[in-house]
Amino acid sequence: MENILQQLVIEIARSNDLSEKQYETFLVQQAILQKQGQLMELLQRRFGIMEDLMLKMCEILDRDLLSLLDQPLLFKQDVMKKLCISDATFRNYVADEKLDPMKLGKTEYFFARDLAKQLLKTRKGHQ
């Protein structure tokens, strides 16, 4: 009987140790979950900020795109006529990077504002 009581005491002590370990594990898991919750809140705030920035960028891009659409497009023939230059001179200007046309397939075109900027830049470079 004494042997059984000793085993019972040993088992109770082991059971208490296991209970303490489980409680410690529970506290660690609780701390981990709390930290994860804080990180999730931080991520949500950051995503909100990123979303706001993306919306502002979209507004800026839309506004700039609309301003580009208000500008007339000049094609190669228009530029040659406006500058009073030949086809060969136009090609030389492009080769010398005095003019930098945008291309869509084989079609070369300019925005009038960009053409003026490019010509001013090349004139400043020659002076």
N, C-alpha and C. Protein backbone atom coordinates (compact mmCIF):
# COMPACT_ATOMS: atom_id res chain seq x y z
N MET A 1 0.81 -1.18 0.00
CA MET A 1 0.00 0.00 0.00
C MET A 1 0.87 1.27 0.00
N GLU A 2 1.94 1.17 0.78
CA GLU A 2 2.87 2.29 0.83
C GLU A 2 3.49 2.55 -0.54
N ASN A 3 3.78 1.52 -1.26
CA ASN A 3 4.34 1.61 -2.60
C ASN A 3 3.36 2.30 -3.54
N ILE A 4 2.11 1.99 -3.41
CA ILE A 4 1.08 2.61 -4.25
C ILE A 4 0.95 4.08 -3.93
N LEU A 5 1.02 4.42 -2.64
CA LEU A 5 0.95 5.83 -2.23
C LEU A 5 2.14 6.62 -2.76
N GLN A 6 3.32 6.01 -2.74
CA GLN A 6 4.51 6.67 -3.27
C GLN A 6 4.35 6.93 -4.77
N GLN A 7 3.88 5.95 -5.50
CA GLN A 7 3.66 6.11 -6.95
C GLN A 7 2.61 7.19 -7.21
N LEU A 8 1.58 7.20 -6.36
CA LEU A 8 0.53 8.21 -6.51
C LEU A 8 1.09 9.61 -6.28
N VAL A 9 1.93 9.77 -5.26
CA VAL A 9 2.56 11.05 -4.97
C VAL A 9 3.46 11.47 -6.15
N ILE A 10 4.22 10.53 -6.67
CA ILE A 10 5.11 10.81 -7.82
C ILE A 10 4.28 11.25 -9.03
N GLU A 11 3.19 10.55 -9.29
CA GLU A 11 2.32 10.89 -10.43
C GLU A 11 1.67 12.26 -10.25
N ILE A 12 1.26 12.56 -9.01
CA ILE A 12 0.66 13.88 -8.73
C ILE A 12 1.70 14.98 -8.94
N ALA A 13 2.93 14.74 -8.49
CA ALA A 13 4.01 15.72 -8.67
C ALA A 13 4.29 15.92 -10.16
N ARG A 14 4.34 14.82 -10.89
CA ARG A 14 4.57 14.92 -12.34
C ARG A 14 3.43 15.63 -13.03
N SER A 15 2.21 15.36 -12.58
CA SER A 15 1.03 16.01 -13.13
C SER A 15 1.08 17.51 -12.87
N ASN A 16 1.50 17.89 -11.65
CA ASN A 16 1.65 19.33 -11.33
C ASN A 16 2.71 19.98 -12.20
N ASP A 17 3.84 19.29 -12.41
CA ASP A 17 4.91 19.82 -13.28
C ASP A 17 4.38 20.02 -14.70
N LEU A 18 3.63 19.03 -15.19
CA LEU A 18 3.06 19.15 -16.54
C LEU A 18 2.09 20.32 -16.62
N SER A 19 1.28 20.48 -15.58
CA SER A 19 0.32 21.58 -15.55
C SER A 19 1.05 22.93 -15.57
N GLU A 20 2.14 23.03 -14.80
CA GLU A 20 2.93 24.26 -14.78
C GLU A 20 3.54 24.53 -16.16
N LYS A 21 4.09 23.49 -16.78
CA LYS A 21 4.68 23.64 -18.13
C LYS A 21 3.61 24.06 -19.14
N GLN A 22 2.42 23.45 -19.04
CA GLN A 22 1.34 23.82 -19.95
C GLN A 22 0.94 25.27 -19.74
N TYR A 23 0.89 25.71 -18.49
CA TYR A 23 0.54 27.10 -18.19
C TYR A 23 1.60 28.05 -18.75
N GLU A 24 2.87 27.70 -18.59
CA GLU A 24 3.96 28.52 -19.15
C GLU A 24 3.85 28.58 -20.68
N THR A 25 3.59 27.44 -21.27
CA THR A 25 3.41 27.37 -22.72
C THR A 25 2.23 28.23 -23.16
N PHE A 26 1.16 28.17 -22.40
CA PHE A 26 -0.02 28.99 -22.69
C PHE A 26 0.33 30.47 -22.64
N LEU A 27 1.10 30.89 -21.63
CA LEU A 27 1.50 32.30 -21.51
C LEU A 27 2.38 32.73 -22.69
N VAL A 28 3.29 31.86 -23.10
CA VAL A 28 4.15 32.17 -24.24
C VAL A 28 3.31 32.30 -25.51
N GLN A 29 2.39 31.35 -25.72
CA GLN A 29 1.51 31.42 -26.90
C GLN A 29 0.65 32.67 -26.87
N GLN A 30 0.17 33.05 -25.70
CA GLN A 30 -0.64 34.26 -25.57
C GLN A 30 0.19 35.50 -25.95
N ALA A 31 1.44 35.55 -25.49
CA ALA A 31 2.33 36.67 -25.83
C ALA A 31 2.59 36.71 -27.34
N ILE A 32 2.79 35.54 -27.93
CA ILE A 32 3.02 35.46 -29.38
C ILE A 32 1.79 35.97 -30.14
N LEU A 33 0.61 35.53 -29.73
CA LEU A 33 -0.62 35.98 -30.38
C LEU A 33 -0.82 37.49 -30.23
N GLN A 34 -0.48 38.02 -29.08
CA GLN A 34 -0.59 39.47 -28.86
C GLN A 34 0.34 40.22 -29.82
N LYS A 35 1.56 39.73 -29.93
CA LYS A 35 2.55 40.36 -30.82
C LYS A 35 2.07 40.27 -32.28
N GLN A 36 1.54 39.12 -32.66
CA GLN A 36 1.02 38.96 -34.01
C GLN A 36 -0.14 39.92 -34.27
N GLY A 37 -0.99 40.10 -33.26
CA GLY A 37 -2.11 41.04 -33.39
C GLY A 37 -1.61 42.45 -33.60
N GLN A 38 -0.57 42.84 -32.86
CA GLN A 38 0.00 44.18 -33.02
C GLN A 38 0.60 44.34 -34.41
N LEU A 39 1.30 43.30 -34.89
CA LEU A 39 1.89 43.35 -36.22
C LEU A 39 0.81 43.44 -37.31
N MET A 40 -0.29 42.72 -37.11
CA MET A 40 -1.39 42.79 -38.07
C MET A 40 -1.99 44.19 -38.13
N GLU A 41 -2.15 44.83 -36.97
CA GLU A 41 -2.67 46.20 -36.93
C GLU A 41 -1.72 47.15 -37.66
N LEU A 42 -0.42 46.96 -37.43
CA LEU A 42 0.58 47.79 -38.10
C LEU A 42 0.52 47.60 -39.61
N LEU A 43 0.40 46.34 -40.04
CA LEU A 43 0.29 46.06 -41.48
C LEU A 43 -0.96 46.69 -42.08
N GLN A 44 -2.07 46.62 -41.36
CA GLN A 44 -3.31 47.21 -41.85
C GLN A 44 -3.16 48.72 -42.01
N ARG A 45 -2.49 49.36 -41.05
CA ARG A 45 -2.26 50.81 -41.16
C ARG A 45 -1.37 51.12 -42.36
N ARG A 46 -0.33 50.30 -42.53
CA ARG A 46 0.58 50.52 -43.66
C ARG A 46 -0.13 50.32 -44.99
N PHE A 47 -0.98 49.29 -45.06
CA PHE A 47 -1.75 49.07 -46.29
C PHE A 47 -2.68 50.24 -46.57
N GLY A 48 -3.26 50.79 -45.50
CA GLY A 48 -4.12 51.97 -45.67
C GLY A 48 -3.33 53.14 -46.22
N ILE A 49 -2.13 53.36 -45.70
CA ILE A 49 -1.29 54.45 -46.19
C ILE A 49 -0.90 54.20 -47.65
N MET A 50 -0.55 52.95 -47.97
CA MET A 50 -0.19 52.62 -49.35
C MET A 50 -1.37 52.84 -50.29
N GLU A 51 -2.55 52.47 -49.85
CA GLU A 51 -3.74 52.66 -50.67
C GLU A 51 -3.98 54.15 -50.92
N ASP A 52 -3.82 54.97 -49.88
CA ASP A 52 -3.98 56.42 -50.05
C ASP A 52 -2.96 56.97 -51.05
N LEU A 53 -1.71 56.51 -50.92
CA LEU A 53 -0.67 56.98 -51.85
C LEU A 53 -0.97 56.56 -53.28
N MET A 54 -1.44 55.33 -53.45
CA MET A 54 -1.78 54.85 -54.79
C MET A 54 -2.92 55.66 -55.39
N LEU A 55 -3.91 56.00 -54.58
CA LEU A 55 -5.02 56.81 -55.07
C LEU A 55 -4.53 58.20 -55.48
N LYS A 56 -3.63 58.79 -54.68
CA LYS A 56 -3.07 60.10 -55.04
C LYS A 56 -2.27 60.01 -56.33
N MET A 57 -1.48 58.92 -56.47
CA MET A 57 -0.71 58.73 -57.70
C MET A 57 -1.64 58.60 -58.90
N CYS A 58 -2.73 57.88 -58.75
CA CYS A 58 -3.70 57.73 -59.84
C CYS A 58 -4.29 59.08 -60.23
N GLU A 59 -4.61 59.90 -59.23
CA GLU A 59 -5.15 61.23 -59.52
C GLU A 59 -4.14 62.06 -60.30
N ILE A 60 -2.87 62.01 -59.88
CA ILE A 60 -1.82 62.77 -60.57
C ILE A 60 -1.65 62.27 -62.00
N LEU A 61 -1.60 60.94 -62.16
CA LEU A 61 -1.44 60.37 -63.50
C LEU A 61 -2.63 60.71 -64.39
N ASP A 62 -3.83 60.62 -63.84
CA ASP A 62 -5.02 60.96 -64.63
C ASP A 62 -4.97 62.42 -65.06
N ARG A 63 -4.60 63.30 -64.13
CA ARG A 63 -4.53 64.73 -64.44
C ARG A 63 -3.48 64.99 -65.52
N ASP A 64 -2.30 64.36 -65.39
CA ASP A 64 -1.24 64.55 -66.38
C ASP A 64 -1.63 63.96 -67.73
N LEU A 65 -2.30 62.82 -67.70
CA LEU A 65 -2.73 62.21 -68.95
C LEU A 65 -3.74 63.11 -69.66
N LEU A 66 -4.66 63.67 -68.90
CA LEU A 66 -5.64 64.58 -69.50
C LEU A 66 -4.95 65.81 -70.09
N SER A 67 -3.92 66.32 -69.41
CA SER A 67 -3.22 67.49 -69.95
C SER A 67 -2.47 67.12 -71.22
N LEU A 68 -1.98 65.87 -71.30
CA LEU A 68 -1.32 65.44 -72.55
C LEU A 68 -2.33 65.32 -73.68
N LEU A 69 -3.52 64.86 -73.36
CA LEU A 69 -4.53 64.69 -74.41
C LEU A 69 -5.01 66.03 -74.95
N ASP A 70 -4.84 67.11 -74.16
CA ASP A 70 -5.22 68.43 -74.62
C ASP A 70 -4.21 69.00 -75.62
N GLN A 71 -3.01 68.44 -75.65
CA GLN A 71 -1.98 68.94 -76.55
C GLN A 71 -2.14 68.33 -77.93
N PRO A 72 -1.88 69.13 -78.97
CA PRO A 72 -1.97 68.56 -80.31
C PRO A 72 -0.78 67.64 -80.57
N LEU A 73 -1.04 66.59 -81.32
CA LEU A 73 0.03 65.70 -81.75
C LEU A 73 0.60 66.22 -83.06
N LEU A 74 1.90 66.22 -83.16
CA LEU A 74 2.56 66.59 -84.40
C LEU A 74 3.22 65.35 -84.97
N PHE A 75 2.93 65.08 -86.22
CA PHE A 75 3.55 63.95 -86.88
C PHE A 75 4.77 64.44 -87.65
N LYS A 76 5.51 63.51 -88.20
CA LYS A 76 6.77 63.83 -88.89
C LYS A 76 6.57 64.94 -89.91
N GLN A 77 5.55 64.82 -90.74
CA GLN A 77 5.29 65.82 -91.79
C GLN A 77 5.00 67.20 -91.18
N ASP A 78 4.26 67.21 -90.05
CA ASP A 78 3.95 68.48 -89.37
C ASP A 78 5.22 69.14 -88.86
N VAL A 79 6.11 68.34 -88.29
CA VAL A 79 7.36 68.87 -87.75
C VAL A 79 8.24 69.40 -88.87
N MET A 80 8.33 68.64 -89.96
CA MET A 80 9.15 69.09 -91.10
C MET A 80 8.62 70.41 -91.64
N LYS A 81 7.30 70.52 -91.72
CA LYS A 81 6.69 71.74 -92.24
C LYS A 81 6.91 72.91 -91.27
N LYS A 82 6.72 72.65 -89.98
CA LYS A 82 6.87 73.69 -88.96
C LYS A 82 8.31 74.21 -88.89
N LEU A 83 9.29 73.30 -89.03
CA LEU A 83 10.70 73.68 -88.95
C LEU A 83 11.30 74.05 -90.31
N CYS A 84 10.50 73.85 -91.36
CA CYS A 84 10.97 74.10 -92.74
C CYS A 84 12.25 73.29 -93.02
N ILE A 85 12.17 72.01 -92.76
CA ILE A 85 13.31 71.13 -93.01
C ILE A 85 12.88 69.99 -93.92
N SER A 86 13.88 69.36 -94.55
CA SER A 86 13.61 68.24 -95.45
C SER A 86 13.56 66.94 -94.66
N ASP A 87 13.17 65.88 -95.34
CA ASP A 87 13.12 64.56 -94.73
C ASP A 87 14.51 64.14 -94.26
N ALA A 88 15.53 64.40 -95.08
CA ALA A 88 16.90 64.03 -94.72
C ALA A 88 17.35 64.79 -93.47
N THR A 89 17.03 66.08 -93.40
CA THR A 89 17.40 66.88 -92.22
C THR A 89 16.68 66.36 -90.99
N PHE A 90 15.41 66.02 -91.14
CA PHE A 90 14.66 65.45 -90.03
C PHE A 90 15.36 64.18 -89.52
N ARG A 91 15.72 63.29 -90.44
CA ARG A 91 16.40 62.05 -90.05
C ARG A 91 17.74 62.34 -89.38
N ASN A 92 18.46 63.35 -89.88
CA ASN A 92 19.74 63.73 -89.25
C ASN A 92 19.51 64.25 -87.83
N TYR A 93 18.48 65.07 -87.65
CA TYR A 93 18.16 65.59 -86.32
C TYR A 93 17.85 64.45 -85.36
N VAL A 94 17.12 63.46 -85.85
CA VAL A 94 16.79 62.30 -85.01
C VAL A 94 18.05 61.51 -84.70
N ALA A 95 18.91 61.30 -85.72
CA ALA A 95 20.15 60.56 -85.51
C ALA A 95 21.08 61.30 -84.55
N ASP A 96 21.12 62.62 -84.63
CA ASP A 96 21.97 63.44 -83.75
C ASP A 96 21.31 63.70 -82.39
N GLU A 97 20.12 63.17 -82.21
CA GLU A 97 19.33 63.31 -80.98
C GLU A 97 18.94 64.76 -80.69
N LYS A 98 18.87 65.56 -81.73
CA LYS A 98 18.32 66.91 -81.57
C LYS A 98 16.80 66.82 -81.46
N LEU A 99 16.25 65.80 -82.10
CA LEU A 99 14.82 65.50 -81.98
C LEU A 99 14.69 64.07 -81.49
N ASP A 100 13.73 63.87 -80.60
CA ASP A 100 13.50 62.53 -80.05
C ASP A 100 12.02 62.20 -80.19
N PRO A 101 11.66 61.67 -81.36
CA PRO A 101 10.23 61.38 -81.56
C PRO A 101 9.77 60.16 -80.75
N MET A 102 8.50 60.18 -80.39
CA MET A 102 7.88 58.99 -79.81
C MET A 102 7.43 58.14 -81.01
N LYS A 103 7.41 56.86 -80.82
CA LYS A 103 7.06 55.99 -81.94
C LYS A 103 5.94 55.05 -81.55
N LEU A 104 5.04 54.87 -82.47
CA LEU A 104 4.00 53.88 -82.35
C LEU A 104 4.06 53.07 -83.64
N GLY A 105 4.70 51.92 -83.56
CA GLY A 105 4.99 51.18 -84.78
C GLY A 105 6.04 51.96 -85.56
N LYS A 106 5.72 52.29 -86.82
CA LYS A 106 6.65 53.08 -87.64
C LYS A 106 6.29 54.56 -87.63
N THR A 107 5.20 54.90 -86.99
CA THR A 107 4.74 56.29 -86.96
C THR A 107 5.49 57.07 -85.89
N GLU A 108 6.10 58.18 -86.30
CA GLU A 108 6.80 59.05 -85.37
C GLU A 108 5.92 60.26 -85.09
N TYR A 109 5.85 60.63 -83.82
CA TYR A 109 5.03 61.79 -83.47
C TYR A 109 5.64 62.52 -82.28
N PHE A 110 5.20 63.74 -82.09
CA PHE A 110 5.67 64.61 -81.01
C PHE A 110 4.47 65.29 -80.37
N PHE A 111 4.62 65.65 -79.12
CA PHE A 111 3.72 66.62 -78.52
C PHE A 111 4.38 67.97 -78.78
N ALA A 112 3.59 68.97 -79.10
CA ALA A 112 4.14 70.28 -79.45
C ALA A 112 5.03 70.82 -78.33
N ARG A 113 4.61 70.63 -77.09
CA ARG A 113 5.39 71.12 -75.94
C ARG A 113 6.77 70.45 -75.90
N ASP A 114 6.81 69.13 -76.14
CA ASP A 114 8.07 68.40 -76.10
C ASP A 114 8.99 68.83 -77.24
N LEU A 115 8.42 69.08 -78.41
CA LEU A 115 9.21 69.51 -79.55
C LEU A 115 9.90 70.83 -79.24
N ALA A 116 9.17 71.77 -78.68
CA ALA A 116 9.75 73.07 -78.33
C ALA A 116 10.87 72.90 -77.30
N LYS A 117 10.68 72.05 -76.30
CA LYS A 117 11.70 71.82 -75.29
C LYS A 117 12.96 71.21 -75.91
N GLN A 118 12.78 70.25 -76.80
CA GLN A 118 13.92 69.61 -77.44
C GLN A 118 14.71 70.60 -78.29
N LEU A 119 14.00 71.43 -79.02
CA LEU A 119 14.69 72.40 -79.87
C LEU A 119 15.42 73.44 -79.03
N LEU A 120 14.82 73.89 -77.95
CA LEU A 120 15.50 74.84 -77.07
C LEU A 120 16.76 74.23 -76.46
N LYS A 121 16.68 72.97 -76.09
CA LYS A 121 17.82 72.30 -75.50
C LYS A 121 18.97 72.19 -76.51
N THR A 122 18.66 71.87 -77.76
CA THR A 122 19.72 71.74 -78.77
C THR A 122 20.32 73.09 -79.11
N ARG A 123 19.50 74.15 -79.10
CA ARG A 123 20.05 75.49 -79.37
C ARG A 123 20.98 75.93 -78.25
N LYS A 124 20.63 75.64 -77.01
CA LYS A 124 21.50 75.99 -75.88
C LYS A 124 22.82 75.23 -75.96
N GLY A 125 22.76 74.00 -76.45
CA GLY A 125 23.97 73.17 -76.56
C GLY A 125 24.92 73.69 -77.62
N HIS A 126 24.41 74.40 -78.65
CA HIS A 126 25.27 74.89 -79.73
C HIS A 126 25.85 76.26 -79.42
N GLN A 127 25.30 76.96 -78.43
CA GLN A 127 25.79 78.32 -78.14
C GLN A 127 27.00 78.30 -77.26
